[in-house]
Each structure stands twice: as structure tokens, then as C-alpha cells.
């Protein structure tokens, strides 16, 4: 029970905040998809060329960029959720 109170009660979001959160989700979903499409194209080229080192590097880059964009999204969403907004 005490652990729940440490984080505080869940704040009610306004309609504007909900809309902004949905827009952020949509924007970042498209950013992630765009990077995945590009890097998967590069991955296909590396696989066709048999460059195993490049394959590993591209896979790591894909994972890293996905995590980075997710972290950026969560940071922006947290700012929206704060009282007073942005």
C-alpha cells in the first residue's frame, strides 16, 4: 500500500492532453516505422552481399534506434502528463 502512495495518485488527463499523447504515439510510430524500413533495406543489401559484420551492425543499430525513439517518446509523454502541461 505504501509503495502505491509513493508514486502518487494517477492524474486525470484533459482531453487536450489525451489528444497530444495520441498524436505523439502516432508521430513516433511513424518515425520508428520509417527507420525500420530504411534499415531493413540496408540489412537486405548486406545479406545479399554476405557481409555478416554489416548485418550485425545494422541489427544493433535498428535495436538502438528503436530504443532511443521509444525513450524520447516516453520523455515527451511524461512532460504532457505533468500538471500544467509541456
Protein backbone atom coordinates (compact mmCIF):
# COMPACT_ATOMS: atom_id res chain seq x y z
CA UNK A 1 0.00 0.00 0.00
CA UNK A 2 2.78 2.44 0.90
CA UNK A 3 4.59 1.80 -2.36
CA UNK A 4 1.50 2.81 -4.29
CA UNK A 5 1.25 6.10 -2.44
CA UNK A 6 4.88 6.99 -3.17
CA UNK A 7 4.15 7.42 -6.85
CA UNK A 8 1.09 9.49 -6.06
CA UNK A 9 -2.42 9.16 -7.34
CA UNK A 10 -2.98 8.86 -11.06
CA UNK A 11 -3.59 12.29 -12.52
CA UNK A 12 -6.67 12.89 -14.61
CA UNK A 13 -5.79 13.87 -18.15
CA UNK A 14 -7.60 16.58 -20.02
CA UNK A 15 -8.95 15.98 -23.50
CA UNK A 16 -6.17 18.17 -24.90
CA UNK A 17 -3.53 16.06 -23.10
CA UNK A 18 -5.11 12.84 -24.36
CA UNK A 19 -5.12 14.23 -27.90
CA UNK A 20 -1.48 15.31 -27.62
CA UNK A 21 -0.47 11.89 -26.27
CA UNK A 22 -2.25 10.18 -29.16
CA UNK A 23 -0.50 12.50 -31.64
CA UNK A 24 2.87 11.70 -30.07
CA UNK A 25 2.15 7.96 -30.29
CA UNK A 26 1.24 8.32 -33.95
CA UNK A 27 4.25 10.50 -34.77
CA UNK A 28 6.72 8.18 -33.09
CA UNK A 29 5.13 5.06 -34.56
CA UNK A 30 5.74 6.57 -37.99
CA UNK A 31 9.31 7.61 -37.10
CA UNK A 32 10.08 4.09 -35.88
CA UNK A 33 8.50 2.53 -38.97
CA UNK A 34 10.46 4.87 -41.25
CA UNK A 35 13.78 3.90 -39.63
CA UNK A 36 12.87 0.21 -39.67
CA UNK A 37 12.05 0.32 -43.38
CA UNK A 38 15.32 2.07 -44.19
CA UNK A 39 17.46 -0.20 -42.03
CA UNK A 40 15.73 -3.36 -43.17
CA UNK A 41 16.55 -2.31 -46.74
CA UNK A 42 20.17 -1.88 -45.73
CA UNK A 43 20.02 -5.23 -43.95
CA UNK A 44 18.74 -6.92 -47.11
CA UNK A 45 21.63 -5.42 -49.09
CA UNK A 46 24.15 -6.66 -46.53
CA UNK A 47 22.58 -10.12 -46.51
CA UNK A 48 22.67 -10.27 -50.32
CA UNK A 49 26.34 -9.33 -50.23
CA UNK A 50 27.10 -11.83 -47.48
CA UNK A 51 28.58 -9.15 -45.22
CA UNK A 52 27.94 -10.70 -41.82
CA UNK A 53 29.69 -7.92 -39.93
CA UNK A 54 27.47 -5.31 -41.55
CA UNK A 55 24.40 -7.44 -40.81
CA UNK A 56 25.23 -7.48 -37.11
CA UNK A 57 25.96 -3.77 -37.08
CA UNK A 58 22.68 -2.91 -38.81
CA UNK A 59 20.71 -5.14 -36.43
CA UNK A 60 22.34 -3.41 -33.45
CA UNK A 61 21.63 -0.01 -34.99
CA UNK A 62 17.98 -0.95 -35.56
CA UNK A 63 17.59 -2.04 -31.94
CA UNK A 64 19.41 1.03 -30.65
CA UNK A 65 17.38 3.49 -32.72
CA UNK A 66 14.11 1.83 -31.75
CA UNK A 67 15.02 2.08 -28.04
CA UNK A 68 16.16 5.66 -28.45
CA UNK A 69 12.94 6.73 -30.15
CA UNK A 70 10.84 4.90 -27.55
CA UNK A 71 12.73 6.65 -24.74
CA UNK A 72 12.28 10.01 -26.46
CA UNK A 73 8.56 9.32 -26.84
CA UNK A 74 8.15 8.40 -23.18
CA UNK A 75 10.02 11.55 -22.12
CA UNK A 76 7.73 13.76 -24.20
CA UNK A 77 4.63 11.94 -22.98
CA UNK A 78 5.72 12.42 -19.38
CA UNK A 79 6.04 16.17 -19.98
CA UNK A 80 2.50 16.24 -21.35
CA UNK A 81 1.21 14.32 -18.31
CA UNK A 82 2.76 16.79 -15.84
CA UNK A 83 0.40 19.31 -14.28
CA UNK A 84 0.49 22.45 -16.36
CA UNK A 85 1.49 20.52 -19.48
CA UNK A 86 4.67 20.94 -21.51
